[in-house]
Structures are given as structure tokens and as C-alpha cells.
C-alpha atoms as a PDB file:
ATOM      1  CA  MET A   1      -3.399   3.039 -34.045  1.00  0.00           C
ATOM      2  CA  SER A   2      -5.976   0.169 -33.635  1.00  0.00           C
ATOM      3  CA  GLN A   3      -6.482  -1.248 -30.223  1.00  0.00           C
ATOM      4  CA  PRO A   4      -3.357  -3.216 -29.210  1.00  0.00           C
ATOM      5  CA  GLN A   5      -3.381  -6.600 -27.669  1.00  0.00           C
ATOM      6  CA  ILE A   6      -1.019  -5.585 -24.886  1.00  0.00           C
ATOM      7  CA  SER A   7      -0.418  -2.158 -23.052  1.00  0.00           C
ATOM      8  CA  VAL A   8       2.857  -2.079 -21.265  1.00  0.00           C
ATOM      9  CA  LEU A   9       2.648   0.441 -18.523  1.00  0.00           C
ATOM     10  CA  ILE A  10       5.904   1.746 -17.023  1.00  0.00           C
ATOM     11  CA  PRO A  11       6.040   4.216 -14.127  1.00  0.00           C
ATOM     12  CA  LEU A  12       9.511   5.771 -13.683  1.00  0.00           C
ATOM     13  CA  LEU A  13      11.503   8.270 -11.734  1.00  0.00           C
ATOM     14  CA  ASN A  14      14.997   9.301 -13.013  1.00  0.00           C
ATOM     15  CA  GLU A  15      15.687   6.300 -15.231  1.00  0.00           C
ATOM     16  CA  GLU A  16      17.102   7.967 -18.380  1.00  0.00           C
ATOM     17  CA  GLU A  17      19.920   5.421 -18.712  1.00  0.00           C
ATOM     18  CA  SER A  18      17.675   2.388 -18.777  1.00  0.00           C
ATOM     19  CA  LEU A  19      14.757   3.539 -20.962  1.00  0.00           C
ATOM     20  CA  PRO A  20      16.266   3.035 -24.491  1.00  0.00           C
ATOM     21  CA  GLU A  21      17.430  -0.452 -23.559  1.00  0.00           C
ATOM     22  CA  LEU A  22      14.137  -1.302 -21.983  1.00  0.00           C
ATOM     23  CA  HIS A  23      12.093   0.005 -25.054  1.00  0.00           C
ATOM     24  CA  ASP A  24      14.261  -1.996 -27.474  1.00  0.00           C
ATOM     25  CA  TRP A  25      13.925  -5.150 -25.311  1.00  0.00           C
ATOM     26  CA  ILE A  26      10.149  -4.839 -25.236  1.00  0.00           C
ATOM     27  CA  HIS A  27       9.840  -4.097 -28.958  1.00  0.00           C
ATOM     28  CA  LYS A  28      12.069  -7.112 -29.901  1.00  0.00           C
ATOM     29  CA  THR A  29      10.167  -9.513 -27.562  1.00  0.00           C
ATOM     30  CA  LEU A  30       6.701  -8.485 -28.573  1.00  0.00           C
ATOM     31  CA  SER A  31       7.565  -8.284 -32.272  1.00  0.00           C
ATOM     32  CA  GLU A  32       8.938 -11.729 -32.226  1.00  0.00           C
ATOM     33  CA  ALA A  33       5.841 -12.931 -30.535  1.00  0.00           C
ATOM     34  CA  ASN A  34       3.679 -11.281 -33.170  1.00  0.00           C
ATOM     35  CA  LEU A  35       1.812  -9.289 -30.540  1.00  0.00           C
ATOM     36  CA  SER A  36       0.545  -5.743 -31.125  1.00  0.00           C
ATOM     37  CA  TYR A  37       1.421  -3.412 -28.316  1.00  0.00           C
ATOM     38  CA  GLU A  38       1.644   0.116 -26.930  1.00  0.00           C
ATOM     39  CA  ILE A  39       4.150   1.361 -24.317  1.00  0.00           C
ATOM     40  CA  LEU A  40       2.893   4.008 -21.904  1.00  0.00           C
ATOM     41  CA  PHE A  41       5.633   5.714 -19.770  1.00  0.00           C
ATOM     42  CA  ILE A  42       4.497   7.630 -16.756  1.00  0.00           C
ATOM     43  CA  ASP A  43       7.202  10.090 -15.760  1.00  0.00           C
ATOM     44  CA  ASP A  44       6.741  10.712 -12.086  1.00  0.00           C
ATOM     45  CA  GLY A  45       8.447  14.001 -11.863  1.00  0.00           C
ATOM     46  CA  SER A  46      11.976  12.940 -12.902  1.00  0.00           C
ATOM     47  CA  ARG A  47      14.668  15.533 -12.536  1.00  0.00           C
ATOM     48  CA  ASP A  48      16.990  13.944 -15.148  1.00  0.00           C
ATOM     49  CA  ASP A  49      16.529  13.647 -18.878  1.00  0.00           C
ATOM     50  CA  SER A  50      13.975  10.814 -18.700  1.00  0.00           C
ATOM     51  CA  TRP A  51      11.276  12.900 -20.426  1.00  0.00           C
ATOM     52  CA  LYS A  52      13.628  13.843 -23.221  1.00  0.00           C
ATOM     53  CA  VAL A  53      14.470  10.225 -23.752  1.00  0.00           C
ATOM     54  CA  ILE A  54      10.750   9.328 -23.924  1.00  0.00           C
ATOM     55  CA  SER A  55      10.093  12.006 -26.456  1.00  0.00           C
ATOM     56  CA  GLU A  56      12.871  10.696 -28.698  1.00  0.00           C
ATOM     57  CA  LEU A  57      11.612   7.176 -28.426  1.00  0.00           C
ATOM     58  CA  GLN A  58       8.232   8.296 -29.487  1.00  0.00           C
ATOM     59  CA  LYS A  59       9.564   9.879 -32.541  1.00  0.00           C
ATOM     60  CA  LYS A  60      11.085   6.559 -33.445  1.00  0.00           C
ATOM     61  CA  ASN A  61       8.149   4.385 -32.430  1.00  0.00           C
ATOM     62  CA  SER A  62       4.579   5.662 -32.744  1.00  0.00           C
ATOM     63  CA  ARG A  63       3.410   3.013 -30.262  1.00  0.00           C
ATOM     64  CA  VAL A  64       5.126   4.869 -27.455  1.00  0.00           C
ATOM     65  CA  ARG A  65       3.019   7.258 -25.367  1.00  0.00           C
ATOM     66  CA  GLY A  66       4.148   9.267 -22.383  1.00  0.00           C
ATOM     67  CA  VAL A  67       2.718  11.390 -19.518  1.00  0.00           C
ATOM     68  CA  LYS A  68       4.941  13.627 -17.314  1.00  0.00           C
ATOM     69  CA  PHE A  69       3.793  14.684 -13.938  1.00  0.00           C
ATOM     70  CA  SER A  70       4.716  18.169 -12.647  1.00  0.00           C
ATOM     71  CA  ARG A  71       6.287  16.636  -9.507  1.00  0.00           C
ATOM     72  CA  ASN A  72       6.807  13.300  -7.828  1.00  0.00           C
ATOM     73  CA  TYR A  73       3.417  11.900  -6.782  1.00  0.00           C
ATOM     74  CA  GLY A  74       4.455   8.333  -6.230  1.00  0.00           C
ATOM     75  CA  LYS A  75       4.055   4.938  -8.015  1.00  0.00           C
ATOM     76  CA  THR A  76       0.453   4.595  -7.080  1.00  0.00           C
ATOM     77  CA  ALA A  77      -0.473   7.931  -8.737  1.00  0.00           C
ATOM     78  CA  ALA A  78       1.480   6.922 -11.809  1.00  0.00           C
ATOM     79  CA  LEU A  79      -0.209   3.499 -12.064  1.00  0.00           C
ATOM     80  CA  ASP A  80      -3.716   5.062 -11.459  1.00  0.00           C
ATOM     81  CA  THR A  81      -3.180   7.551 -14.180  1.00  0.00           C
ATOM     82  CA  GLY A  82      -1.857   4.837 -16.573  1.00  0.00           C
ATOM     83  CA  PHE A  83      -4.816   2.520 -15.795  1.00  0.00           C
ATOM     84  CA  LYS A  84      -7.165   5.225 -17.075  1.00  0.00           C
ATOM     85  CA  MET A  85      -5.184   5.743 -20.298  1.00  0.00           C
ATOM     86  CA  VAL A  86      -4.280   2.252 -21.465  1.00  0.00           C
ATOM     87  CA  LYS A  87      -6.080   0.711 -24.439  1.00  0.00           C
ATOM     88  CA  GLY A  88      -4.826  -2.891 -24.673  1.00  0.00           C
ATOM     89  CA  ASP A  89      -6.760  -5.968 -23.860  1.00  0.00           C
ATOM     90  CA  VAL A  90      -4.127  -7.153 -21.429  1.00  0.00           C
ATOM     91  CA  VAL A  91      -2.170  -4.599 -19.303  1.00  0.00           C
ATOM     92  CA  ILE A  92       1.377  -5.409 -18.229  1.00  0.00           C
ATOM     93  CA  THR A  93       2.998  -3.258 -15.504  1.00  0.00           C
ATOM     94  CA  MET A  94       6.726  -3.336 -15.011  1.00  0.00           C
ATOM     95  CA  ASP A  95       9.497  -1.230 -13.474  1.00  0.00           C
ATOM     96  CA  ALA A  96      11.780   0.905 -15.565  1.00  0.00           C
ATOM     97  CA  ASP A  97      15.010  -0.173 -13.950  1.00  0.00           C
ATOM     98  CA  LEU A  98      15.634  -3.326 -16.119  1.00  0.00           C
ATOM     99  CA  GLN A  99      15.113  -5.626 -13.087  1.00  0.00           C
ATOM    100  CA  ASP A 100      11.944  -6.877 -14.701  1.00  0.00           C
ATOM    101  CA  ASN A 101      12.420  -9.130 -17.826  1.00  0.00           C
ATOM    102  CA  PRO A 102      10.158  -8.160 -20.832  1.00  0.00           C
ATOM    103  CA  GLU A 103      10.591 -11.740 -22.113  1.00  0.00           C
ATOM    104  CA  GLU A 104       8.225 -12.848 -19.495  1.00  0.00           C
ATOM    105  CA  ILE A 105       5.334 -10.810 -21.139  1.00  0.00           C
ATOM    106  CA  PRO A 106       4.123 -13.330 -23.648  1.00  0.00           C
ATOM    107  CA  ASP A 107       3.650 -16.059 -21.088  1.00  0.00           C
ATOM    108  CA  LEU A 108       1.857 -13.471 -18.855  1.00  0.00           C
ATOM    109  CA  TYR A 109      -0.347 -12.517 -21.753  1.00  0.00           C
ATOM    110  CA  LYS A 110      -1.294 -16.204 -22.363  1.00  0.00           C
ATOM    111  CA  LYS A 111      -2.265 -16.656 -18.746  1.00  0.00           C
ATOM    112  CA  ILE A 112      -4.794 -13.839 -19.041  1.00  0.00           C
ATOM    113  CA  THR A 113      -6.119 -14.605 -22.555  1.00  0.00           C
ATOM    114  CA  VAL A 114      -5.897 -18.362 -22.602  1.00  0.00           C
ATOM    115  CA  ASP A 115      -6.117 -19.495 -18.873  1.00  0.00           C
ATOM    116  CA  GLY A 116      -8.632 -16.946 -18.126  1.00  0.00           C
ATOM    117  CA  TYR A 117      -6.903 -15.244 -15.137  1.00  0.00           C
ATOM    118  CA  ASP A 118      -8.074 -11.803 -14.091  1.00  0.00           C
ATOM    119  CA  LEU A 119      -4.664 -10.947 -12.702  1.00  0.00           C
ATOM    120  CA  VAL A 120      -1.279 -12.657 -12.580  1.00  0.00           C
ATOM    121  CA  SER A 121       1.532 -11.405 -10.347  1.00  0.00           C
ATOM    122  CA  GLY A 122       5.155 -11.979 -10.860  1.00  0.00           C
ATOM    123  CA  TRP A 123       7.046 -13.924  -8.222  1.00  0.00           C
ATOM    124  CA  LYS A 124      10.818 -13.037  -7.919  1.00  0.00           C
ATOM    125  CA  LYS A 125      11.727 -16.359  -6.364  1.00  0.00           C
ATOM    126  CA  LYS A 126      15.385 -15.710  -6.747  1.00  0.00           C
ATOM    127  CA  ARG A 127      16.256 -12.078  -5.955  1.00  0.00           C
ATOM    128  CA  HIS A 128      19.368 -10.083  -6.587  1.00  0.00           C
ATOM    129  CA  ASP A 129      18.845  -7.681  -3.737  1.00  0.00           C
ATOM    130  CA  PRO A 130      20.689  -7.242  -0.449  1.00  0.00           C
ATOM    131  CA  ILE A 131      19.603  -9.893   2.002  1.00  0.00           C
ATOM    132  CA  LEU A 132      19.305  -7.828   5.213  1.00  0.00           C
ATOM    133  CA  SER A 133      17.981  -4.622   3.853  1.00  0.00           C
ATOM    134  CA  LYS A 134      15.443  -6.037   1.207  1.00  0.00           C
ATOM    135  CA  ASN A 135      15.068  -9.889   1.067  1.00  0.00           C
ATOM    136  CA  ILE A 136      14.325 -10.503   4.762  1.00  0.00           C
ATOM    137  CA  PRO A 137      11.982  -7.494   5.219  1.00  0.00           C
ATOM    138  CA  SER A 138      10.284  -8.481   2.015  1.00  0.00           C
ATOM    139  CA  LYS A 139       9.574 -11.962   3.153  1.00  0.00           C
ATOM    140  CA  LEU A 140       8.157 -10.789   6.460  1.00  0.00           C
ATOM    141  CA  PHE A 141       6.024  -8.231   4.660  1.00  0.00           C
ATOM    142  CA  ASN A 142       4.691 -10.695   2.202  1.00  0.00           C
ATOM    143  CA  TRP A 143       3.807 -13.187   5.008  1.00  0.00           C
ATOM    144  CA  ALA A 144       1.866 -10.474   6.913  1.00  0.00           C
ATOM    145  CA  ALA A 145       0.062  -9.436   3.725  1.00  0.00           C
ATOM    146  CA  ARG A 146      -0.987 -12.985   2.998  1.00  0.00           C
ATOM    147  CA  LYS A 147      -2.333 -13.531   6.528  1.00  0.00           C
ATOM    148  CA  ILE A 148      -4.288 -10.336   6.697  1.00  0.00           C
ATOM    149  CA  SER A 149      -5.599 -10.198   3.100  1.00  0.00           C
ATOM    150  CA  ASP A 150      -6.065 -13.980   2.443  1.00  0.00           C
ATOM    151  CA  VAL A 151      -4.601 -13.393  -1.029  1.00  0.00           C
ATOM    152  CA  HIS A 152      -2.017 -16.187  -1.418  1.00  0.00           C
ATOM    153  CA  LEU A 153       0.826 -14.521  -3.367  1.00  0.00           C
ATOM    154  CA  HIS A 154       4.523 -14.921  -2.552  1.00  0.00           C
ATOM    155  CA  ASP A 155       5.468 -11.357  -3.838  1.00  0.00           C
ATOM    156  CA  PHE A 156       3.088  -8.544  -3.424  1.00  0.00           C
ATOM    157  CA  ASN A 157       5.749  -6.041  -4.218  1.00  0.00           C
ATOM    158  CA  CYS A 158       6.784  -7.393  -7.664  1.00  0.00           C
ATOM    159  CA  GLY A 159       6.220  -4.673 -10.257  1.00  0.00           C
ATOM    160  CA  LEU A 160       5.766  -7.174 -13.145  1.00  0.00           C
ATOM    161  CA  LYS A 161       2.012  -7.936 -13.241  1.00  0.00           C
ATOM    162  CA  ALA A 162      -0.506  -8.778 -16.000  1.00  0.00           C
ATOM    163  CA  TYR A 163      -4.223  -7.678 -15.859  1.00  0.00           C
ATOM    164  CA  ASN A 164      -7.339  -8.256 -17.892  1.00  0.00           C
ATOM    165  CA  LYS A 165      -8.185  -4.773 -18.998  1.00  0.00           C
ATOM    166  CA  LYS A 166     -11.536  -4.940 -17.112  1.00  0.00           C
ATOM    167  CA  VAL A 167      -9.691  -5.132 -13.821  1.00  0.00           C
ATOM    168  CA  VAL A 168      -7.667  -1.909 -14.195  1.00  0.00           C
ATOM    169  CA  LYS A 169     -10.761  -0.161 -15.531  1.00  0.00           C
ATOM    170  CA  ASN A 170     -12.827  -1.015 -12.578  1.00  0.00           C
ATOM    171  CA  ILE A 171     -10.565  -0.472  -9.517  1.00  0.00           C
ATOM    172  CA  SER A 172      -9.346   2.688  -7.832  1.00  0.00           C
ATOM    173  CA  ILE A 173      -6.065   3.041  -6.024  1.00  0.00           C
ATOM    174  CA  TYR A 174      -4.751   5.901  -4.026  1.00  0.00           C
ATOM    175  CA  GLY A 175      -2.026   6.727  -1.478  1.00  0.00           C
ATOM    176  CA  GLU A 176       0.555   3.912  -1.668  1.00  0.00           C
ATOM    177  CA  MET A 177      -1.876   1.174  -2.439  1.00  0.00           C
ATOM    178  CA  HIS A 178      -0.071  -0.143  -5.634  1.00  0.00           C
ATOM    179  CA  ARG A 179       1.379  -3.063  -3.442  1.00  0.00           C
ATOM    180  CA  TYR A 180      -2.177  -4.298  -2.810  1.00  0.00           C
ATOM    181  CA  ILE A 181      -3.731  -4.160  -6.221  1.00  0.00           C
ATOM    182  CA  PRO A 182      -4.321  -7.974  -6.110  1.00  0.00           C
ATOM    183  CA  VAL A 183      -6.158  -7.532  -2.743  1.00  0.00           C
ATOM    184  CA  ILE A 184      -8.225  -4.616  -4.111  1.00  0.00           C
ATOM    185  CA  ALA A 185      -9.040  -6.631  -7.241  1.00  0.00           C
ATOM    186  CA  LYS A 186     -10.192  -9.604  -5.235  1.00  0.00           C
ATOM    187  CA  TRP A 187     -12.364  -7.411  -3.075  1.00  0.00           C
ATOM    188  CA  ASN A 188     -13.944  -6.011  -6.292  1.00  0.00           C
ATOM    189  CA  GLY A 189     -14.966  -9.501  -7.524  1.00  0.00           C
ATOM    190  CA  PHE A 190     -11.966 -10.431  -9.634  1.00  0.00           C
ATOM    191  CA  THR A 191     -11.095 -13.631  -7.845  1.00  0.00           C
ATOM    192  CA  LYS A 192      -9.006 -15.568 -10.394  1.00  0.00           C
ATOM    193  CA  ILE A 193      -5.684 -14.428  -9.313  1.00  0.00           C
ATOM    194  CA  GLY A 194      -2.487 -16.342 -10.040  1.00  0.00           C
ATOM    195  CA  GLU A 195       1.205 -15.878  -9.973  1.00  0.00           C
ATOM    196  CA  GLN A 196       4.225 -16.793 -12.207  1.00  0.00           C
ATOM    197  CA  VAL A 197       7.827 -17.259 -11.207  1.00  0.00           C
ATOM    198  CA  VAL A 198       9.755 -14.573 -13.082  1.00  0.00           C
ATOM    199  CA  LYS A 199      13.401 -13.698 -13.541  1.00  0.00           C
ATOM    200  CA  HIS A 200      14.857 -10.891 -11.431  1.00  0.00           C
ATOM    201  CA  GLN A 201      17.576  -9.021 -12.976  1.00  0.00           C
ATOM    202  CA  ALA A 202      20.399  -7.217 -10.997  1.00  0.00           C
ATOM    203  CA  ARG A 203      20.029  -3.403 -11.315  1.00  0.00           C
ATOM    204  CA  LYS A 204      22.146  -2.210 -14.115  1.00  0.00           C
ATOM    205  CA  TYR A 205      21.860   1.597 -13.779  1.00  0.00           C
ATOM    206  CA  GLY A 206      21.239   4.058 -10.898  1.00  0.00           C
ATOM    207  CA  THR A 207      20.156   3.298  -7.438  1.00  0.00           C
ATOM    208  CA  THR A 208      16.918   2.043  -5.771  1.00  0.00           C
ATOM    209  CA  LYS A 209      14.280   4.612  -4.980  1.00  0.00           C
ATOM    210  CA  PHE A 210      12.826   2.649  -2.076  1.00  0.00           C
ATOM    211  CA  GLY A 211      14.170   2.357   1.540  1.00  0.00           C
ATOM    212  CA  MET A 212      13.176   0.410   4.647  1.00  0.00           C
ATOM    213  CA  SER A 213      10.335   2.823   5.306  1.00  0.00           C
ATOM    214  CA  ARG A 214       8.275   1.250   2.415  1.00  0.00           C
ATOM    215  CA  PHE A 215       7.759  -1.866   4.468  1.00  0.00           C
ATOM    216  CA  ILE A 216       6.474   0.006   7.476  1.00  0.00           C
ATOM    217  CA  ASN A 217       4.249   2.203   5.284  1.00  0.00           C
ATOM    218  CA  GLY A 218       3.177  -0.871   3.341  1.00  0.00           C
ATOM    219  CA  PHE A 219       1.919  -2.583   6.460  1.00  0.00           C
ATOM    220  CA  LEU A 220      -0.045   0.445   7.675  1.00  0.00           C
ATOM    221  CA  ASP A 221      -1.572   0.766   4.145  1.00  0.00           C
ATOM    222  CA  LEU A 222      -2.605  -3.002   4.317  1.00  0.00           C
ATOM    223  CA  LEU A 223      -4.375  -2.349   7.626  1.00  0.00           C
ATOM    224  CA  SER A 224      -6.051   0.794   5.996  1.00  0.00           C
ATOM    225  CA  ILE A 225      -7.392  -1.003   2.945  1.00  0.00           C
ATOM    226  CA  THR A 226      -8.550  -3.913   5.096  1.00  0.00           C
ATOM    227  CA  PHE A 227     -10.557  -1.495   7.258  1.00  0.00           C
ATOM    228  CA  VAL A 228     -11.871   0.487   4.350  1.00  0.00           C
ATOM    229  CA  ASN A 229     -12.958  -2.710   2.517  1.00  0.00           C
ATOM    230  CA  LYS A 230     -14.961  -3.973   5.444  1.00  0.00           C
ATOM    231  CA  PHE A 231     -16.326  -0.655   6.875  1.00  0.00           C
ATOM    232  CA  GLY A 232     -15.699   1.989   4.228  1.00  0.00           C
ATOM    233  CA  ARG A 233     -19.361   1.950   3.181  1.00  0.00           C
ATOM    234  CA  ARG A 234     -20.815   1.358   6.660  1.00  0.00           C
ATOM    235  CA  PRO A 235     -18.526   3.106   9.173  1.00  0.00           C
ATOM    236  CA  MET A 236     -21.312   3.101  11.827  1.00  0.00           C
ATOM    237  CA  HIS A 237     -21.141  -0.717  11.920  1.00  0.00           C
ATOM    238  CA  PHE A 238     -17.547  -0.393  13.323  1.00  0.00           C
ATOM    239  CA  PHE A 239     -17.460   2.854  15.344  1.00  0.00           C
ATOM    240  CA  GLY A 240     -21.164   2.603  16.366  1.00  0.00           C
ATOM    241  CA  ALA A 241     -20.865  -1.021  17.537  1.00  0.00           C
ATOM    242  CA  TYR A 242     -17.741  -0.390  19.739  1.00  0.00           C
ATOM    243  CA  GLY A 243     -19.222   2.952  20.964  1.00  0.00           C
ATOM    244  CA  VAL A 244     -22.421   1.280  22.149  1.00  0.00           C
ATOM    245  CA  LEU A 245     -20.390  -1.525  23.761  1.00  0.00           C
ATOM    246  CA  SER A 246     -18.209   1.000  25.599  1.00  0.00           C
ATOM    247  CA  ILE A 247     -21.176   2.983  26.778  1.00  0.00           C
ATOM    248  CA  LEU A 248     -22.951  -0.184  28.040  1.00  0.00           C
ATOM    249  CA  ILE A 249     -19.914  -1.291  29.942  1.00  0.00           C
ATOM    250  CA  GLY A 250     -19.414   2.192  31.471  1.00  0.00           C
ATOM    251  CA  SER A 251     -23.089   2.439  32.402  1.00  0.00           C
ATOM    252  CA  ALA A 252     -23.110  -1.034  33.930  1.00  0.00           C
ATOM    253  CA  LEU A 253     -20.074  -0.071  36.143  1.00  0.00           C
ATOM    254  CA  THR A 254     -21.830   3.009  37.268  1.00  0.00           C
ATOM    255  CA  PHE A 255     -25.101   1.278  38.177  1.00  0.00           C
ATOM    256  CA  PHE A 256     -23.074  -1.310  40.043  1.00  0.00           C
ATOM    257  CA  LEU A 257     -21.339   1.248  42.137  1.00  0.00           C
ATOM    258  CA  ILE A 258     -24.640   3.004  42.881  1.00  0.00           C
ATOM    259  CA  ALA A 259     -26.318  -0.213  43.798  1.00  0.00           C
ATOM    260  CA  GLU A 260     -23.393  -1.265  45.998  1.00  0.00           C
ATOM    261  CA  LYS A 261     -23.617   2.065  47.943  1.00  0.00           C
ATOM    262  CA  ILE A 262     -27.412   1.856  48.351  1.00  0.00           C
ATOM    263  CA  TYR A 263     -27.051  -1.781  49.580  1.00  0.00           C
ATOM    264  CA  ASN A 264     -24.378  -0.836  52.112  1.00  0.00           C
ATOM    265  CA  LEU A 265     -26.476   2.042  53.403  1.00  0.00           C
ATOM    266  CA  TRP A 266     -29.551  -0.276  53.739  1.00  0.00           C
ATOM    267  CA  ARG A 267     -27.441  -2.828  55.695  1.00  0.00           C
ATOM    268  CA  ASN A 268     -25.727  -0.147  57.846  1.00  0.00           C
ATOM    269  CA  LEU A 269     -22.363  -1.298  56.353  1.00  0.00           C
ATOM    270  CA  PRO A 270     -19.344   0.880  55.733  1.00  0.00           C
ATOM    271  CA  TYR A 271     -19.574   2.698  52.426  1.00  0.00           C
ATOM    272  CA  ARG A 272     -17.812   5.369  50.371  1.00  0.00           C
ATOM    273  CA  ASN A 273     -18.942   7.826  47.813  1.00  0.00           C
ATOM    274  CA  VAL A 274     -19.277   6.583  44.263  1.00  0.00           C
ATOM    275  CA  THR A 275     -16.881   9.318  43.079  1.00  0.00           C
ATOM    276  CA  ASP A 276     -14.262   8.057  45.494  1.00  0.00           C
ATOM    277  CA  ASN A 277     -14.109   4.672  43.776  1.00  0.00           C
ATOM    278  CA  PRO A 278     -11.530   4.283  41.053  1.00  0.00           C
ATOM    279  CA  LEU A 279     -13.978   2.090  39.058  1.00  0.00           C
ATOM    280  CA  PHE A 280     -16.186   5.289  38.693  1.00  0.00           C
ATOM    281  CA  PHE A 281     -13.506   7.083  36.646  1.00  0.00           C
ATOM    282  CA  LEU A 282     -13.084   3.985  34.506  1.00  0.00           C
ATOM    283  CA  ALA A 283     -16.793   3.912  33.866  1.00  0.00           C
ATOM    284  CA  LEU A 284     -16.657   7.610  33.028  1.00  0.00           C
ATOM    285  CA  VAL A 285     -13.870   7.210  30.588  1.00  0.00           C
ATOM    286  CA  LEU A 286     -15.632   4.237  28.810  1.00  0.00           C
ATOM    287  CA  ALA A 287     -18.833   6.280  28.504  1.00  0.00           C
ATOM    288  CA  LEU A 288     -16.973   9.287  27.055  1.00  0.00           C
ATOM    289  CA  VAL A 289     -15.068   7.145  24.612  1.00  0.00           C
ATOM    290  CA  GLY A 290     -18.268   5.350  23.651  1.00  0.00           C
ATOM    291  CA  VAL A 291     -19.919   8.604  22.834  1.00  0.00           C
ATOM    292  CA  GLN A 292     -16.980   9.749  20.708  1.00  0.00           C
ATOM    293  CA  LEU A 293     -16.918   6.452  18.895  1.00  0.00           C
ATOM    294  CA  PHE A 294     -20.561   6.689  18.157  1.00  0.00           C
ATOM    295  CA  LEU A 295     -20.193  10.288  16.865  1.00  0.00           C
ATOM    296  CA  ALA A 296     -17.222   9.201  14.757  1.00  0.00           C
ATOM    297  CA  GLY A 297     -19.476   6.556  13.180  1.00  0.00           C
ATOM    298  CA  PHE A 298     -22.288   9.024  12.660  1.00  0.00           C
ATOM    299  CA  LEU A 299     -19.882  11.646  11.011  1.00  0.00           C
ATOM    300  CA  GLY A 300     -18.416   8.735   8.880  1.00  0.00           C
ATOM    301  CA  GLU A 301     -21.957   7.834   7.605  1.00  0.00           C
ATOM    302  CA  LEU A 302     -22.489  11.504   6.580  1.00  0.00           C
ATOM    303  CA  PHE A 303     -19.261  11.625   4.857  1.00  0.00           C
ATOM    304  CA  VAL A 304     -19.939   8.439   2.922  1.00  0.00           C
ATOM    305  CA  LYS A 305     -23.295   9.840   1.738  1.00  0.00           C
ATOM    306  CA  GLN A 306     -21.557  12.857   0.127  1.00  0.00           C
ATOM    307  CA  ASN A 307     -19.858  12.731  -3.249  1.00  0.00           C
ATOM    308  CA  SER A 308     -16.214  11.871  -2.731  1.00  0.00           C
ATOM    309  CA  SER A 309     -13.885  14.415  -4.276  1.00  0.00           C
ATOM    310  CA  THR A 310     -11.744  13.322  -7.309  1.00  0.00           C
ATOM    311  CA  ILE A 311      -8.046  13.082  -6.721  1.00  0.00           C
ATOM    312  CA  SER A 312      -6.184  14.545  -9.697  1.00  0.00           C
ATOM    313  CA  TYR A 313      -2.499  14.909 -10.623  1.00  0.00           C
ATOM    314  CA  VAL A 314      -1.079  17.746 -12.491  1.00  0.00           C
ATOM    315  CA  ILE A 315       0.273  16.705 -15.890  1.00  0.00           C
ATOM    316  CA  ASP A 316       2.903  18.949 -17.461  1.00  0.00           C
ATOM    317  CA  GLU A 317       2.996  17.205 -20.857  1.00  0.00           C
ATOM    318  CA  GLU A 318       1.616  14.275 -22.764  1.00  0.00           C
ATOM    319  CA  ILE A 319       2.570  12.660 -26.042  1.00  0.00           C
END
């Protein structure tokens, strides 16, 4: 198969019911738009018949490809694996639960190829999710993400996104960082990032795989990638700076206490031992913490200098 114009990358977990309908919908939409494509399903350790369905779809349509993980590694692992395998000029990611509308793909494709965007994120402006358990936490999460990352998107969590191929081939994601691919892309120099209002479908089959914990984990991940982006290549600039500051404050307090005692002795004024003053123990703690921070920065520098190990995922089958 020649290089397709579009690669549709779909991570999934236990979505056997929705896959045939999703495949047919994508095929119909892209065929009518006269766009060549491939569909890459990443089965993230499903326990139902999802892989069997993917195999059957591939027999009917040679443009279908699939990867099956040996266990559930998470959406980030699925996307990271898919990004390494896709061949299309434009990469579209979408969820397998039919809540993303494939009819949005041609417009997303044009934003990349015609308007010149590096990345376009979907914005589910009108959502069909529970208000208390999903909509409100999602709004708070997106507000915090905008403030911290300075990437002005309304919906970081939307699975429907379009990428120029060079973006997905030049970024690395791990852990649960899939929510912040636009942030990671920006920090890697891909600054033309836009968004498009997309339709959000009510879930037709199965149940959601995400709970409230994803918002807490997502916020922690945001703090993590913000720190790694600023200091990942120079940890001593963070740990060392605060370590030296802590040592200096602790030392200054200690010298002040010693000088105070010497002055009182010289003036025949009442005095107490330095070790009897509570400030001495604060100074001691600051000095110890400073040394620990400095050593953490030093060890971080050593670690950065070493070759980082490659994260790999066990793949059972591939078609």
C-alpha cells in the first residue's frame, strides 16, 4: 500500500461492539472525501473479542492494521506505539467508543495541509456526559492546564486530534502524558496549534473506562511535565539553586547566633548557648536540606548524562 494521506490511530480497550460501526463510518467518510487512509487499531489488552473483530475487519479491508498488547498499558502507551507505526502525512487520533465523529476528519485534515497547523485539537463544546462527575471537573482541569502550560485550548482531554506527521515522529510521551501532547509539541517547537469545535456523541455501547482519578492524576502529570521541560536537562539549576540558598540561609542564621553570643559576652550581658536557641535548630535543618537538594541536583546531572533506557511494551500480535 502506498503512503496514505491520513492515518487514523485508534487506541481501544474492550470495545468489540463499536469497532465494526466505527470502521464503516470512517471508510464511508474518507472514501466520499476521496482521501487515502489507513486505520491503525491499538488493542490495549482487551479481555473481550476486540482483537477478533479487528482481525475480521483487516480481512475485509487491507487498509486496516492492528497491534495487540499483552496487557493493559494505558492510552499513552497505545498512542506512543501508534505514533511510531503510522505512515500517513496527517495523523488523526480518536477514541473507539463512537463518541468522536469521523465526519470531522476531512476538516481536520484541511487545517493541517491547507492552513498549515502543526496540531489541531478537538473541542467538545457541547458534551453528552454527566455534569457533576465529568463536565465540571473537566472544565476545572482544562482551566488549570491552560494557566500552567500557556497553551490556550478549551479541551485538552478530547481524543479527536489531528497532527502533522512530523509532530508525532519527533515527540516522546510516557506515563499518562497523552492529555498534554499539545503542550509537549509546543515545547518541542511545534507552535502552530489550533482547535476545532467537534460534535460529541453520546456513548452507544459499554461504559466509560475513566473515573474521577484521571483528573487528579492529570494535574500531577501536568506539574511533572512542566518541571521536566524546564529542568529535565539541567536538574542542578533547580535543586542546586535552592540547595545553595538553603545552605546560605542556615549558615547566616548560625553566624548570627554566634555573633550575638560573642557580643553579649563582650558587653557582659546575659546570654545563652547557641544550641539552646530554637533558631539554631532551624539553621541546622536548612543546612541539611540544602545539602540534600544539592546532592539531588548532582545525582540528577549524572543521570541525565547517562543514556536513558528505552520503554518498551510487549506486543502479542500484529497484523
